[in-house]
Amino acid sequence: MNKENLKILKLNVSDKENSDKYVLRFNEKEIGYSYIFQEAKNNNIYIFINQENRSNGFGSFVFGEMLKIIKSSKLSHLFFDIEKPNYSANNIIAKFNGQILSEDDKKHWILKL
């Protein structure tokens, strides 16, 4: 993945309430999107990468960029409730030093900013 060919564009209007939407483009092709939910207690960040572009580091890249944006807010930490079979999401949060608070059918994470 050549980061020079990646662009994250904030859309003027989001299709989800209380959120900002961002589109990820690689070589001028849209390959995914992300939301930052403003007033969520859990899962402030949502990321989707097209199936054919997964496992190439795009999800981690977008997550890192979304964290940079959120760090400018007054939040000191984020909470995530991730289904256990969602290995990609769990791995990304672990990569960014998230800590597991508890587990049941989900992993409950805290990520300090």
Protein backbone atom coordinates (compact mmCIF):
# COMPACT_ATOMS: atom_id res chain seq x y z
CA MET A 1 0.00 0.00 0.00
CA ASN A 2 1.42 3.34 -1.04
CA LYS A 3 0.02 5.96 1.35
CA GLU A 4 0.66 8.67 -1.25
CA ASN A 5 -2.19 7.18 -3.28
CA LEU A 6 -4.61 7.26 -0.32
CA LYS A 7 -7.03 10.10 0.29
CA ILE A 8 -9.61 10.52 3.02
CA LEU A 9 -12.33 12.99 2.15
CA LYS A 10 -14.90 14.33 4.59
CA LEU A 11 -18.35 14.53 3.06
CA ASN A 12 -20.44 17.65 3.62
CA VAL A 13 -23.45 15.58 4.68
CA SER A 14 -23.57 12.21 6.41
CA ASP A 15 -26.31 9.65 5.86
CA LYS A 16 -26.15 8.63 9.55
CA GLU A 17 -27.54 10.84 12.32
CA ASN A 18 -25.03 12.62 14.61
CA SER A 19 -22.03 11.58 12.55
CA ASP A 20 -19.38 12.77 10.16
CA LYS A 21 -18.74 10.57 7.13
CA TYR A 22 -15.40 10.09 5.42
CA VAL A 23 -14.65 8.32 2.14
CA LEU A 24 -11.39 6.44 1.54
CA ARG A 25 -9.96 6.59 -1.97
CA PHE A 26 -7.00 4.63 -3.26
CA ASN A 27 -5.69 5.50 -6.73
CA GLU A 28 -8.82 7.68 -7.14
CA LYS A 29 -11.14 4.68 -6.59
CA GLU A 30 -13.47 4.62 -3.58
CA ILE A 31 -12.55 1.57 -1.52
CA GLY A 32 -14.29 2.25 1.77
CA TYR A 33 -15.75 4.73 4.20
CA SER A 34 -15.81 5.61 7.86
CA TYR A 35 -18.08 7.38 10.32
CA ILE A 36 -17.29 9.23 13.51
CA PHE A 37 -20.36 9.23 15.73
CA GLN A 38 -20.48 12.36 17.86
CA GLU A 39 -22.55 11.37 20.86
CA ALA A 40 -22.06 7.62 21.03
CA LYS A 41 -21.13 5.96 24.31
CA ASN A 42 -19.56 3.02 22.46
CA ASN A 43 -18.20 2.43 18.98
CA ASN A 44 -17.57 6.06 18.07
CA ILE A 45 -15.76 4.92 14.93
CA TYR A 46 -17.21 2.69 12.22
CA ILE A 47 -15.09 1.55 9.27
CA PHE A 48 -16.02 -0.34 6.12
CA ILE A 49 -13.46 -1.48 3.54
CA ASN A 50 -14.61 -3.14 0.29
CA GLN A 51 -14.13 -6.91 0.36
CA GLU A 52 -11.47 -6.96 -2.39
CA ASN A 53 -9.36 -4.36 -0.54
CA ARG A 54 -9.34 -5.96 2.91
CA SER A 55 -6.22 -7.35 4.60
CA ASN A 56 -4.03 -4.68 3.02
CA GLY A 57 -3.75 -2.30 5.98
CA PHE A 58 -6.46 0.09 4.82
CA GLY A 59 -8.63 -0.45 7.92
CA SER A 60 -5.73 0.31 10.26
CA PHE A 61 -4.82 3.37 8.22
CA VAL A 62 -8.36 4.77 8.35
CA PHE A 63 -8.73 3.94 12.06
CA GLY A 64 -5.52 5.83 12.80
CA GLU A 65 -6.71 8.84 10.81
CA MET A 66 -10.08 8.82 12.58
CA LEU A 67 -8.28 8.72 15.95
CA LYS A 68 -6.30 11.82 14.96
CA ILE A 69 -9.57 13.62 14.27
CA ILE A 70 -11.19 12.46 17.52
CA LYS A 71 -8.14 13.45 19.59
CA SER A 72 -8.96 17.09 18.84
CA SER A 73 -12.23 16.63 20.77
CA LYS A 74 -12.47 16.60 24.54
CA LEU A 75 -12.66 12.82 24.80
CA SER A 76 -9.97 11.08 26.84
CA HIS A 77 -10.91 7.53 25.88
CA LEU A 78 -13.17 5.51 23.60
CA PHE A 79 -15.15 2.35 24.30
CA PHE A 80 -15.82 -0.40 21.77
CA ASP A 81 -18.08 -3.47 21.94
CA ILE A 82 -16.93 -5.78 19.15
CA GLU A 83 -18.35 -9.19 18.28
CA LYS A 84 -15.72 -11.86 18.90
CA PRO A 85 -15.81 -13.22 15.33
CA ASN A 86 -14.92 -9.75 13.99
CA TYR A 87 -11.19 -10.50 14.09
CA SER A 88 -10.24 -7.55 11.92
CA ALA A 89 -11.87 -4.96 14.17
CA ASN A 90 -10.52 -6.59 17.33
CA ASN A 91 -7.01 -6.73 15.85
CA ILE A 92 -7.11 -3.07 14.82
CA ILE A 93 -8.13 -1.93 18.30
CA ALA A 94 -5.42 -4.11 19.85
CA LYS A 95 -2.88 -2.64 17.41
CA PHE A 96 -3.70 0.84 18.73
CA ASN A 97 -3.12 -0.29 22.35
CA GLY A 98 -6.74 -0.90 23.27
CA GLN A 99 -7.28 -2.86 26.47
CA ILE A 100 -9.98 -5.46 26.99
CA LEU A 101 -12.23 -4.57 29.91
CA SER A 102 -14.37 -7.73 29.77
CA GLU A 103 -15.61 -10.45 27.44
CA ASP A 104 -18.87 -12.25 26.86
CA ASP A 105 -20.23 -12.73 23.33
CA LYS A 106 -18.33 -9.49 22.61
CA LYS A 107 -14.99 -8.04 23.54
CA HIS A 108 -15.44 -4.81 25.49
CA TRP A 109 -12.49 -2.50 24.86
CA ILE A 110 -11.21 0.81 26.16
CA LEU A 111 -8.81 2.88 24.08
CA LYS A 112 -7.10 5.81 25.81
CA LEU A 113 -6.45 8.83 23.63
